[in-house]
Amino acid sequence: KRAFTSISKNMRSMFLHAYQSFLWNKVASFRIKTGGSTEVREGDLVLLEESDTNCRTSGLKGKRVKVVDELDIKEGKFTIEDVVLPLVGSRIEYPTGSSGTFLMELLEEDGISKDAFGQIGDKEISLCGDYRKLMCKPADVTFVVKEYYDPLQPLIDTDLMDLSGTSIETEEAQKDENFLLFGMVI
């Protein structure tokens, strides 16, 4: 314990957030592998309400979740884009079903219970938790097919090029390869 508290507060916080993300990624991979990437399942969590007003760093304030039940599935109330998974913490709800069981198993393997997150004595690095969407559907997707020859040539204009008013130019004789440039909002 003394070794951990000798690390700066920012570093301790980074370690804890990295652990949250590690668990989220494992559970997200498990959920997609076992439950697919297109259907809502009983026991999934869905975000009901999200408010950006007065959000703290955790982002949890203003968010409410619901555990999906059989009736929700029959009525088709939610889509896969509504499904969220928790970043573990003291103030979050955990999914039921296989995803929740898998998360508890991961915590147990590391010798941690879900209650441990509420027992962190240092309030500056306590973990309230949060929710992240399992799937995000991109919007405003754009693409451009461009040609290039020089593998060291920038593929898109740099900020310096924008400031100086220059752009990437290739001569017709130099064009040899194609690349696809994507843009999107998620």
N, C-alpha and C. Protein backbone atom coordinates (compact mmCIF):
# COMPACT_ATOMS: atom_id res chain seq x y z
N LYS A 1 0.83 -1.20 0.00
CA LYS A 1 0.00 0.00 0.00
C LYS A 1 0.87 1.25 0.00
N ARG A 2 1.93 1.24 0.79
CA ARG A 2 2.81 2.42 0.87
C ARG A 2 3.46 2.69 -0.49
N ALA A 3 3.81 1.62 -1.19
CA ALA A 3 4.44 1.80 -2.50
C ALA A 3 3.46 2.49 -3.46
N PHE A 4 2.20 2.08 -3.44
CA PHE A 4 1.21 2.67 -4.34
C PHE A 4 0.96 4.13 -3.98
N THR A 5 0.88 4.44 -2.68
CA THR A 5 0.61 5.83 -2.28
C THR A 5 1.82 6.73 -2.49
N SER A 6 2.99 6.16 -2.68
CA SER A 6 4.17 7.00 -2.96
C SER A 6 4.18 7.50 -4.40
N ILE A 7 3.37 6.91 -5.25
CA ILE A 7 3.23 7.35 -6.64
C ILE A 7 2.33 8.59 -6.65
N SER A 8 2.60 9.51 -7.55
CA SER A 8 1.80 10.74 -7.61
C SER A 8 0.32 10.41 -7.83
N LYS A 9 -0.53 11.33 -7.40
CA LYS A 9 -1.98 11.13 -7.53
C LYS A 9 -2.38 10.91 -8.99
N ASN A 10 -1.81 11.68 -9.90
CA ASN A 10 -2.17 11.54 -11.32
C ASN A 10 -1.80 10.16 -11.85
N MET A 11 -0.65 9.65 -11.45
CA MET A 11 -0.23 8.32 -11.90
C MET A 11 -1.12 7.23 -11.30
N ARG A 12 -1.46 7.37 -10.03
CA ARG A 12 -2.36 6.37 -9.40
C ARG A 12 -3.69 6.37 -10.12
N SER A 13 -4.19 7.55 -10.42
CA SER A 13 -5.46 7.66 -11.13
C SER A 13 -5.36 7.02 -12.50
N MET A 14 -4.24 7.23 -13.19
CA MET A 14 -4.05 6.65 -14.51
C MET A 14 -4.06 5.12 -14.45
N PHE A 15 -3.40 4.54 -13.43
CA PHE A 15 -3.40 3.08 -13.27
C PHE A 15 -4.82 2.56 -13.07
N LEU A 16 -5.59 3.23 -12.24
CA LEU A 16 -6.96 2.79 -11.97
C LEU A 16 -7.84 2.90 -13.21
N HIS A 17 -7.70 4.00 -13.95
CA HIS A 17 -8.49 4.15 -15.17
C HIS A 17 -8.07 3.14 -16.23
N ALA A 18 -6.79 2.82 -16.27
CA ALA A 18 -6.32 1.80 -17.22
C ALA A 18 -6.93 0.44 -16.86
N TYR A 19 -7.03 0.14 -15.57
CA TYR A 19 -7.64 -1.12 -15.14
C TYR A 19 -9.12 -1.14 -15.52
N GLN A 20 -9.82 -0.02 -15.32
CA GLN A 20 -11.22 0.06 -15.74
C GLN A 20 -11.35 -0.23 -17.23
N SER A 21 -10.51 0.38 -18.03
CA SER A 21 -10.58 0.20 -19.48
C SER A 21 -10.22 -1.23 -19.88
N PHE A 22 -9.24 -1.81 -19.20
CA PHE A 22 -8.85 -3.20 -19.46
C PHE A 22 -10.05 -4.12 -19.24
N LEU A 23 -10.72 -3.96 -18.11
CA LEU A 23 -11.90 -4.79 -17.82
C LEU A 23 -13.00 -4.54 -18.84
N TRP A 24 -13.25 -3.28 -19.19
CA TRP A 24 -14.30 -2.95 -20.15
C TRP A 24 -14.01 -3.64 -21.48
N ASN A 25 -12.76 -3.57 -21.95
CA ASN A 25 -12.40 -4.19 -23.23
C ASN A 25 -12.58 -5.71 -23.20
N LYS A 26 -12.21 -6.34 -22.09
CA LYS A 26 -12.38 -7.80 -21.98
C LYS A 26 -13.87 -8.16 -22.02
N VAL A 27 -14.69 -7.43 -21.27
CA VAL A 27 -16.13 -7.72 -21.23
C VAL A 27 -16.78 -7.40 -22.57
N ALA A 28 -16.37 -6.32 -23.23
CA ALA A 28 -16.93 -5.98 -24.54
C ALA A 28 -16.61 -7.08 -25.56
N SER A 29 -15.38 -7.56 -25.55
CA SER A 29 -15.00 -8.65 -26.47
C SER A 29 -15.80 -9.90 -26.17
N PHE A 30 -15.96 -10.22 -24.89
CA PHE A 30 -16.75 -11.38 -24.48
C PHE A 30 -18.21 -11.23 -24.93
N ARG A 31 -18.78 -10.04 -24.72
CA ARG A 31 -20.19 -9.81 -25.06
C ARG A 31 -20.42 -9.99 -26.56
N ILE A 32 -19.53 -9.45 -27.38
CA ILE A 32 -19.69 -9.57 -28.82
C ILE A 32 -19.45 -11.00 -29.28
N LYS A 33 -18.46 -11.66 -28.68
CA LYS A 33 -18.16 -13.04 -29.07
C LYS A 33 -19.30 -13.98 -28.71
N THR A 34 -19.90 -13.81 -27.56
CA THR A 34 -20.93 -14.75 -27.11
C THR A 34 -22.35 -14.29 -27.44
N GLY A 35 -22.56 -12.98 -27.59
CA GLY A 35 -23.91 -12.48 -27.81
C GLY A 35 -24.13 -11.79 -29.13
N GLY A 36 -23.08 -11.72 -29.92
CA GLY A 36 -23.21 -11.09 -31.22
C GLY A 36 -23.11 -9.58 -31.16
N SER A 37 -23.07 -8.99 -32.34
CA SER A 37 -22.90 -7.54 -32.42
C SER A 37 -24.12 -6.85 -33.03
N THR A 38 -25.24 -7.56 -33.13
CA THR A 38 -26.42 -6.96 -33.75
C THR A 38 -27.66 -6.98 -32.87
N GLU A 39 -27.71 -7.85 -31.87
CA GLU A 39 -28.93 -8.02 -31.08
C GLU A 39 -28.74 -7.63 -29.63
N VAL A 40 -29.79 -7.05 -29.05
CA VAL A 40 -29.83 -6.79 -27.62
C VAL A 40 -30.20 -8.08 -26.93
N ARG A 41 -29.57 -8.37 -25.80
CA ARG A 41 -29.85 -9.59 -25.05
C ARG A 41 -30.41 -9.26 -23.67
N GLU A 42 -31.15 -10.20 -23.16
CA GLU A 42 -31.66 -10.06 -21.80
C GLU A 42 -30.45 -9.97 -20.86
N GLY A 43 -30.50 -9.00 -19.94
CA GLY A 43 -29.39 -8.80 -19.01
C GLY A 43 -28.44 -7.70 -19.43
N ASP A 44 -28.54 -7.24 -20.70
CA ASP A 44 -27.73 -6.11 -21.14
C ASP A 44 -28.17 -4.85 -20.40
N LEU A 45 -27.28 -3.88 -20.32
CA LEU A 45 -27.62 -2.56 -19.79
C LEU A 45 -27.84 -1.62 -20.96
N VAL A 46 -28.84 -0.76 -20.84
CA VAL A 46 -29.07 0.28 -21.84
C VAL A 46 -29.13 1.63 -21.14
N LEU A 47 -28.62 2.63 -21.81
CA LEU A 47 -28.62 3.98 -21.26
C LEU A 47 -29.98 4.61 -21.52
N LEU A 48 -30.65 5.05 -20.45
CA LEU A 48 -31.98 5.65 -20.60
C LEU A 48 -31.92 7.16 -20.69
N GLU A 49 -31.01 7.74 -19.95
CA GLU A 49 -30.99 9.19 -19.85
C GLU A 49 -29.55 9.64 -19.77
N GLU A 50 -29.24 10.67 -20.54
CA GLU A 50 -27.89 11.22 -20.48
C GLU A 50 -28.00 12.73 -20.51
N SER A 51 -27.36 13.36 -19.56
CA SER A 51 -27.39 14.81 -19.47
C SER A 51 -25.97 15.32 -19.34
N ASP A 52 -25.61 16.32 -20.14
CA ASP A 52 -24.26 16.87 -20.10
C ASP A 52 -24.12 17.98 -19.07
N THR A 53 -25.20 18.34 -18.40
CA THR A 53 -25.12 19.44 -17.47
C THR A 53 -24.44 19.01 -16.19
N ASN A 54 -23.50 19.83 -15.75
CA ASN A 54 -22.79 19.62 -14.48
C ASN A 54 -22.10 18.26 -14.37
N CYS A 55 -21.60 17.72 -15.46
CA CYS A 55 -20.91 16.44 -15.40
C CYS A 55 -19.54 16.63 -14.75
N ARG A 56 -19.19 15.69 -13.93
CA ARG A 56 -17.86 15.67 -13.33
C ARG A 56 -16.97 14.83 -14.21
N THR A 57 -15.74 14.64 -13.78
CA THR A 57 -14.76 13.87 -14.55
C THR A 57 -15.26 12.47 -14.85
N SER A 58 -15.95 11.83 -13.91
CA SER A 58 -16.40 10.47 -14.13
C SER A 58 -17.44 10.37 -15.24
N GLY A 59 -18.16 11.45 -15.48
CA GLY A 59 -19.17 11.43 -16.51
C GLY A 59 -20.44 10.69 -16.10
N LEU A 60 -20.51 10.21 -14.89
CA LEU A 60 -21.63 9.39 -14.46
C LEU A 60 -22.88 10.21 -14.17
N LYS A 61 -22.72 11.43 -13.72
CA LYS A 61 -23.86 12.24 -13.32
C LYS A 61 -24.83 12.43 -14.48
N GLY A 62 -26.09 12.21 -14.23
CA GLY A 62 -27.11 12.38 -15.25
C GLY A 62 -27.38 11.14 -16.08
N LYS A 63 -26.71 10.04 -15.80
CA LYS A 63 -26.91 8.82 -16.58
C LYS A 63 -27.72 7.82 -15.76
N ARG A 64 -28.72 7.25 -16.42
CA ARG A 64 -29.51 6.18 -15.81
C ARG A 64 -29.49 5.00 -16.76
N VAL A 65 -29.37 3.81 -16.20
CA VAL A 65 -29.39 2.61 -17.03
C VAL A 65 -30.52 1.69 -16.60
N LYS A 66 -30.84 0.78 -17.48
CA LYS A 66 -31.87 -0.22 -17.21
C LYS A 66 -31.32 -1.56 -17.66
N VAL A 67 -31.62 -2.59 -16.89
CA VAL A 67 -31.29 -3.95 -17.29
C VAL A 67 -32.40 -4.41 -18.24
N VAL A 68 -32.02 -4.83 -19.43
CA VAL A 68 -32.99 -5.26 -20.44
C VAL A 68 -33.63 -6.57 -19.98
N ASP A 69 -34.96 -6.61 -20.08
CA ASP A 69 -35.68 -7.84 -19.72
C ASP A 69 -36.35 -8.43 -20.96
N GLU A 70 -37.01 -9.54 -20.76
CA GLU A 70 -37.64 -10.27 -21.86
C GLU A 70 -38.69 -9.43 -22.58
N LEU A 71 -39.47 -8.66 -21.83
CA LEU A 71 -40.50 -7.81 -22.41
C LEU A 71 -39.88 -6.73 -23.32
N ASP A 72 -38.77 -6.14 -22.88
CA ASP A 72 -38.08 -5.14 -23.70
C ASP A 72 -37.67 -5.73 -25.05
N ILE A 73 -37.19 -6.96 -25.01
CA ILE A 73 -36.74 -7.62 -26.24
C ILE A 73 -37.93 -7.91 -27.15
N LYS A 74 -39.03 -8.42 -26.57
CA LYS A 74 -40.22 -8.72 -27.37
C LYS A 74 -40.78 -7.46 -28.03
N GLU A 75 -40.75 -6.34 -27.29
CA GLU A 75 -41.29 -5.09 -27.82
C GLU A 75 -40.29 -4.37 -28.73
N GLY A 76 -39.05 -4.84 -28.78
CA GLY A 76 -38.03 -4.22 -29.62
C GLY A 76 -37.71 -2.79 -29.21
N LYS A 77 -37.71 -2.54 -27.90
CA LYS A 77 -37.50 -1.19 -27.40
C LYS A 77 -36.11 -0.64 -27.67
N PHE A 78 -35.11 -1.51 -27.72
CA PHE A 78 -33.73 -1.05 -27.79
C PHE A 78 -32.99 -1.71 -28.94
N THR A 79 -31.94 -1.03 -29.40
CA THR A 79 -31.07 -1.59 -30.44
C THR A 79 -29.68 -1.80 -29.83
N ILE A 80 -28.81 -2.44 -30.58
CA ILE A 80 -27.45 -2.70 -30.09
C ILE A 80 -26.71 -1.39 -29.81
N GLU A 81 -27.10 -0.30 -30.50
CA GLU A 81 -26.46 1.00 -30.24
C GLU A 81 -26.84 1.58 -28.88
N ASP A 82 -27.88 1.03 -28.25
CA ASP A 82 -28.30 1.49 -26.92
C ASP A 82 -27.56 0.76 -25.80
N VAL A 83 -26.93 -0.36 -26.11
CA VAL A 83 -26.29 -1.19 -25.09
C VAL A 83 -25.02 -0.52 -24.59
N VAL A 84 -24.87 -0.48 -23.26
CA VAL A 84 -23.67 0.05 -22.63
C VAL A 84 -23.08 -1.00 -21.71
N LEU A 85 -21.79 -0.87 -21.47
CA LEU A 85 -21.10 -1.69 -20.48
C LEU A 85 -20.48 -0.75 -19.47
N PRO A 86 -20.38 -1.18 -18.21
CA PRO A 86 -19.85 -0.27 -17.20
C PRO A 86 -18.33 -0.24 -17.15
N LEU A 87 -17.82 0.94 -16.80
CA LEU A 87 -16.46 1.06 -16.30
C LEU A 87 -16.63 0.86 -14.80
N VAL A 88 -16.01 -0.17 -14.24
CA VAL A 88 -16.29 -0.55 -12.86
C VAL A 88 -16.10 0.62 -11.91
N GLY A 89 -16.90 0.63 -10.87
CA GLY A 89 -16.85 1.69 -9.87
C GLY A 89 -17.88 1.45 -8.79
N SER A 90 -17.96 2.40 -7.88
CA SER A 90 -18.82 2.23 -6.71
C SER A 90 -20.27 2.63 -6.96
N ARG A 91 -20.55 3.38 -8.03
CA ARG A 91 -21.90 3.89 -8.23
C ARG A 91 -22.55 3.42 -9.53
N ILE A 92 -22.11 2.29 -10.05
CA ILE A 92 -22.68 1.82 -11.31
C ILE A 92 -23.48 0.55 -11.09
N GLU A 93 -24.33 0.29 -12.04
CA GLU A 93 -25.09 -0.95 -12.04
C GLU A 93 -24.38 -1.92 -12.99
N TYR A 94 -24.34 -3.16 -12.61
CA TYR A 94 -23.65 -4.18 -13.40
C TYR A 94 -24.66 -4.94 -14.24
N PRO A 95 -24.24 -5.38 -15.44
CA PRO A 95 -25.17 -6.18 -16.25
C PRO A 95 -25.41 -7.53 -15.59
N THR A 96 -26.57 -8.09 -15.86
CA THR A 96 -26.86 -9.44 -15.39
C THR A 96 -26.58 -10.38 -16.55
N GLY A 97 -26.76 -11.62 -16.38
CA GLY A 97 -26.50 -12.56 -17.47
C GLY A 97 -25.01 -12.84 -17.60
N SER A 98 -24.63 -13.37 -18.75
CA SER A 98 -23.26 -13.86 -18.93
C SER A 98 -22.21 -12.75 -18.90
N SER A 99 -22.54 -11.55 -19.39
CA SER A 99 -21.56 -10.45 -19.36
C SER A 99 -21.26 -10.04 -17.92
N GLY A 100 -22.29 -9.93 -17.11
CA GLY A 100 -22.10 -9.58 -15.70
C GLY A 100 -21.34 -10.66 -14.96
N THR A 101 -21.67 -11.93 -15.24
CA THR A 101 -20.96 -13.05 -14.61
C THR A 101 -19.49 -13.03 -15.00
N PHE A 102 -19.22 -12.79 -16.28
CA PHE A 102 -17.84 -12.74 -16.76
C PHE A 102 -17.06 -11.61 -16.08
N LEU A 103 -17.68 -10.45 -15.93
CA LEU A 103 -17.03 -9.32 -15.26
C LEU A 103 -16.70 -9.67 -13.81
N MET A 104 -17.64 -10.31 -13.12
CA MET A 104 -17.38 -10.71 -11.73
C MET A 104 -16.23 -11.72 -11.66
N GLU A 105 -16.16 -12.63 -12.63
CA GLU A 105 -15.07 -13.60 -12.67
C GLU A 105 -13.72 -12.91 -12.87
N LEU A 106 -13.69 -11.90 -13.75
CA LEU A 106 -12.45 -11.15 -13.97
C LEU A 106 -12.00 -10.44 -12.69
N LEU A 107 -12.94 -9.83 -12.00
CA LEU A 107 -12.60 -9.16 -10.74
C LEU A 107 -12.09 -10.17 -9.71
N GLU A 108 -12.78 -11.30 -9.62
CA GLU A 108 -12.39 -12.34 -8.67
C GLU A 108 -10.99 -12.87 -8.96
N GLU A 109 -10.66 -13.03 -10.25
CA GLU A 109 -9.32 -13.50 -10.63
C GLU A 109 -8.25 -12.55 -10.11
N ASP A 110 -8.58 -11.26 -10.04
CA ASP A 110 -7.63 -10.25 -9.55
C ASP A 110 -7.75 -10.02 -8.05
N GLY A 111 -8.60 -10.80 -7.39
CA GLY A 111 -8.76 -10.66 -5.94
C GLY A 111 -9.52 -9.42 -5.52
N ILE A 112 -10.43 -8.98 -6.37
CA ILE A 112 -11.19 -7.75 -6.11
C ILE A 112 -12.68 -8.08 -6.14
N SER A 113 -13.44 -7.42 -5.28
CA SER A 113 -14.90 -7.52 -5.35
C SER A 113 -15.43 -6.18 -5.85
N LYS A 114 -16.65 -6.17 -6.35
CA LYS A 114 -17.21 -4.90 -6.84
C LYS A 114 -17.36 -3.88 -5.71
N ASP A 115 -17.45 -4.35 -4.49
CA ASP A 115 -17.57 -3.44 -3.35
C ASP A 115 -16.26 -2.72 -3.05
N ALA A 116 -15.14 -3.24 -3.52
CA ALA A 116 -13.83 -2.65 -3.23
C ALA A 116 -13.71 -1.23 -3.79
N PHE A 117 -14.42 -0.93 -4.86
CA PHE A 117 -14.29 0.39 -5.48
C PHE A 117 -14.90 1.49 -4.61
N GLY A 118 -15.82 1.14 -3.75
CA GLY A 118 -16.39 2.11 -2.81
C GLY A 118 -15.57 2.24 -1.55
N GLN A 119 -14.56 1.41 -1.40
CA GLN A 119 -13.75 1.40 -0.18
C GLN A 119 -12.38 2.02 -0.36
N ILE A 120 -12.15 2.68 -1.50
CA ILE A 120 -10.86 3.34 -1.70
C ILE A 120 -10.83 4.55 -0.78
N GLY A 121 -9.87 4.58 0.11
CA GLY A 121 -9.79 5.63 1.12
C GLY A 121 -9.47 7.00 0.56
N ASP A 122 -8.72 7.07 -0.52
CA ASP A 122 -8.32 8.34 -1.10
C ASP A 122 -9.43 8.84 -2.00
N LYS A 123 -10.19 9.82 -1.54
CA LYS A 123 -11.35 10.32 -2.29
C LYS A 123 -10.94 10.95 -3.62
N GLU A 124 -9.69 11.43 -3.71
CA GLU A 124 -9.25 12.06 -4.95
C GLU A 124 -9.13 11.06 -6.10
N ILE A 125 -8.94 9.78 -5.80
CA ILE A 125 -8.81 8.78 -6.86
C ILE A 125 -9.89 7.71 -6.78
N SER A 126 -10.93 7.96 -6.00
CA SER A 126 -12.00 6.97 -5.91
C SER A 126 -12.68 6.83 -7.27
N LEU A 127 -13.16 5.64 -7.55
CA LEU A 127 -13.78 5.34 -8.84
C LEU A 127 -15.28 5.20 -8.68
N CYS A 128 -16.01 6.16 -9.21
CA CYS A 128 -17.48 6.08 -9.19
C CYS A 128 -17.97 5.17 -10.30
N GLY A 129 -17.21 5.12 -11.40
CA GLY A 129 -17.61 4.32 -12.55
C GLY A 129 -18.27 5.17 -13.62
N ASP A 130 -18.60 4.54 -14.69
CA ASP A 130 -19.24 5.22 -15.82
C ASP A 130 -19.76 4.13 -16.76
N TYR A 131 -20.33 4.55 -17.86
CA TYR A 131 -20.82 3.62 -18.88
C TYR A 131 -20.29 4.04 -20.24
N ARG A 132 -19.94 3.06 -21.05
CA ARG A 132 -19.53 3.30 -22.44
C ARG A 132 -20.42 2.46 -23.35
N LYS A 133 -20.76 3.04 -24.48
CA LYS A 133 -21.56 2.30 -25.46
C LYS A 133 -20.75 1.13 -26.01
N LEU A 134 -21.41 -0.01 -26.17
CA LEU A 134 -20.78 -1.18 -26.75
C LEU A 134 -20.51 -0.96 -28.24
N MET A 135 -21.45 -0.38 -28.94
CA MET A 135 -21.33 -0.14 -30.38
C MET A 135 -21.72 1.31 -30.66
N CYS A 136 -20.94 1.96 -31.50
CA CYS A 136 -21.26 3.31 -31.96
C CYS A 136 -21.43 3.29 -33.46
N LYS A 137 -22.54 3.78 -33.92
CA LYS A 137 -22.79 3.85 -35.35
C LYS A 137 -22.26 5.18 -35.86
N PRO A 138 -21.29 5.15 -36.78
CA PRO A 138 -20.74 6.42 -37.26
C PRO A 138 -21.75 7.19 -38.09
N ALA A 139 -21.60 8.50 -38.07
CA ALA A 139 -22.46 9.38 -38.85
C ALA A 139 -21.57 10.25 -39.74
N ASP A 140 -22.15 10.87 -40.71
CA ASP A 140 -21.42 11.75 -41.62
C ASP A 140 -20.17 11.09 -42.17
N VAL A 141 -20.30 9.86 -42.64
CA VAL A 141 -19.16 9.13 -43.19
C VAL A 141 -18.84 9.69 -44.58
N THR A 142 -17.57 10.01 -44.76
CA THR A 142 -17.10 10.49 -46.06
C THR A 142 -15.86 9.68 -46.44
N PHE A 143 -15.58 9.64 -47.74
CA PHE A 143 -14.34 9.01 -48.17
C PHE A 143 -13.88 9.63 -49.48
N VAL A 144 -12.59 9.54 -49.72
CA VAL A 144 -11.99 10.04 -50.94
C VAL A 144 -10.94 9.03 -51.36
N VAL A 145 -10.92 8.68 -52.63
CA VAL A 145 -9.85 7.83 -53.17
C VAL A 145 -8.79 8.77 -53.73
N LYS A 146 -7.57 8.63 -53.25
CA LYS A 146 -6.47 9.47 -53.72
C LYS A 146 -5.36 8.58 -54.25
N GLU A 147 -4.52 9.17 -55.07
CA GLU A 147 -3.39 8.45 -55.64
C GLU A 147 -2.09 9.06 -55.12
N TYR A 148 -1.04 8.24 -55.01
CA TYR A 148 0.26 8.73 -54.59
C TYR A 148 1.35 7.83 -55.14
N TYR A 149 2.56 8.35 -55.10
CA TYR A 149 3.71 7.56 -55.55
C TYR A 149 4.75 7.44 -54.44
N ASP A 150 5.08 8.54 -53.83
CA ASP A 150 6.14 8.59 -52.82
C ASP A 150 5.60 8.10 -51.48
N PRO A 151 6.15 6.99 -50.92
CA PRO A 151 5.65 6.49 -49.64
C PRO A 151 5.94 7.43 -48.46
N LEU A 152 6.82 8.40 -48.65
CA LEU A 152 7.12 9.38 -47.60
C LEU A 152 6.28 10.64 -47.71
N GLN A 153 5.52 10.75 -48.78
CA GLN A 153 4.67 11.91 -49.01
C GLN A 153 3.50 11.88 -48.01
N PRO A 154 3.16 13.03 -47.42
CA PRO A 154 1.97 13.05 -46.54
C PRO A 154 0.73 12.69 -47.36
N LEU A 155 -0.16 11.93 -46.76
CA LEU A 155 -1.38 11.52 -47.46
C LEU A 155 -2.50 12.54 -47.31
N ILE A 156 -2.42 13.35 -46.25
CA ILE A 156 -3.39 14.43 -46.07
C ILE A 156 -2.61 15.70 -45.75
N ASP A 157 -3.21 16.85 -46.02
CA ASP A 157 -2.54 18.11 -45.71
C ASP A 157 -2.29 18.22 -44.22
N THR A 158 -1.09 18.65 -43.87
CA THR A 158 -0.74 18.86 -42.47
C THR A 158 -1.22 20.24 -42.02
N ASP A 159 -1.23 20.48 -40.72
CA ASP A 159 -1.61 21.79 -40.21
C ASP A 159 -0.68 22.87 -40.75
N LEU A 160 0.62 22.56 -40.84
CA LEU A 160 1.59 23.53 -41.37
C LEU A 160 1.28 23.86 -42.82
N MET A 161 0.89 22.85 -43.60
CA MET A 161 0.51 23.09 -44.99
C MET A 161 -0.72 24.00 -45.06
N ASP A 162 -1.68 23.77 -44.18
CA ASP A 162 -2.88 24.62 -44.16
C ASP A 162 -2.53 26.06 -43.82
N LEU A 163 -1.64 26.25 -42.83
CA LEU A 163 -1.24 27.60 -42.43
C LEU A 163 -0.47 28.32 -43.53
N SER A 164 0.36 27.58 -44.24
CA SER A 164 1.18 28.21 -45.28
C SER A 164 0.46 28.28 -46.63
N GLY A 165 -0.72 27.68 -46.73
CA GLY A 165 -1.50 27.74 -47.95
C GLY A 165 -1.01 26.79 -49.04
N THR A 166 -0.22 25.79 -48.68
CA THR A 166 0.24 24.82 -49.67
C THR A 166 -0.57 23.54 -49.54
N SER A 167 -0.52 22.73 -50.58
CA SER A 167 -1.23 21.45 -50.51
C SER A 167 -0.39 20.39 -51.21
N ILE A 168 -0.79 19.17 -51.07
CA ILE A 168 -0.09 18.03 -51.67
C ILE A 168 -0.37 18.03 -53.16
N GLU A 169 0.69 17.96 -53.93
CA GLU A 169 0.52 17.91 -55.37
C GLU A 169 1.32 16.74 -55.93
N THR A 170 0.71 16.02 -56.83
CA THR A 170 1.42 14.94 -57.52
C THR A 170 1.23 15.13 -59.01
N GLU A 171 2.26 14.81 -59.74
CA GLU A 171 2.17 14.89 -61.19
C GLU A 171 1.52 13.61 -61.70
N GLU A 172 0.81 13.73 -62.79
CA GLU A 172 0.13 12.56 -63.37
C GLU A 172 1.08 11.39 -63.57
N ALA A 173 2.30 11.66 -64.00
CA ALA A 173 3.26 10.58 -64.27
C ALA A 173 3.70 9.88 -63.00
N GLN A 174 3.56 10.55 -61.83
CA GLN A 174 4.03 9.96 -60.58
C GLN A 174 2.99 9.06 -59.93
N LYS A 175 1.75 9.17 -60.28
CA LYS A 175 0.69 8.43 -59.60
C LYS A 175 0.85 6.94 -59.83
N ASP A 176 0.96 6.21 -58.76
CA ASP A 176 1.24 4.78 -58.86
C ASP A 176 0.34 3.94 -57.95
N GLU A 177 0.03 4.43 -56.77
CA GLU A 177 -0.74 3.68 -55.78
C GLU A 177 -2.00 4.46 -55.40
N ASN A 178 -2.99 3.74 -54.88
CA ASN A 178 -4.21 4.35 -54.39
C ASN A 178 -4.33 4.17 -52.89
N PHE A 179 -4.98 5.10 -52.24
CA PHE A 179 -5.35 4.91 -50.85
C PHE A 179 -6.74 5.49 -50.65
N LEU A 180 -7.38 5.04 -49.59
CA LEU A 180 -8.73 5.46 -49.26
C LEU A 180 -8.67 6.26 -47.97
N LEU A 181 -9.15 7.46 -47.99
CA LEU A 181 -9.16 8.34 -46.82
C LEU A 181 -10.59 8.43 -46.29
N PHE A 182 -10.79 7.98 -45.04
CA PHE A 182 -12.11 7.98 -44.41
C PHE A 182 -12.24 9.13 -43.43
N GLY A 183 -13.42 9.65 -43.29
CA GLY A 183 -13.75 10.61 -42.25
C GLY A 183 -15.10 10.22 -41.68
N MET A 184 -15.30 10.41 -40.37
CA MET A 184 -16.59 10.07 -39.75
C MET A 184 -16.72 10.72 -38.38
N VAL A 185 -17.93 10.78 -37.92
CA VAL A 185 -18.24 11.28 -36.58
C VAL A 185 -18.81 10.10 -35.80
N ILE A 186 -18.22 9.80 -34.63
CA ILE A 186 -18.76 8.73 -33.78
C ILE A 186 -19.13 9.25 -32.42
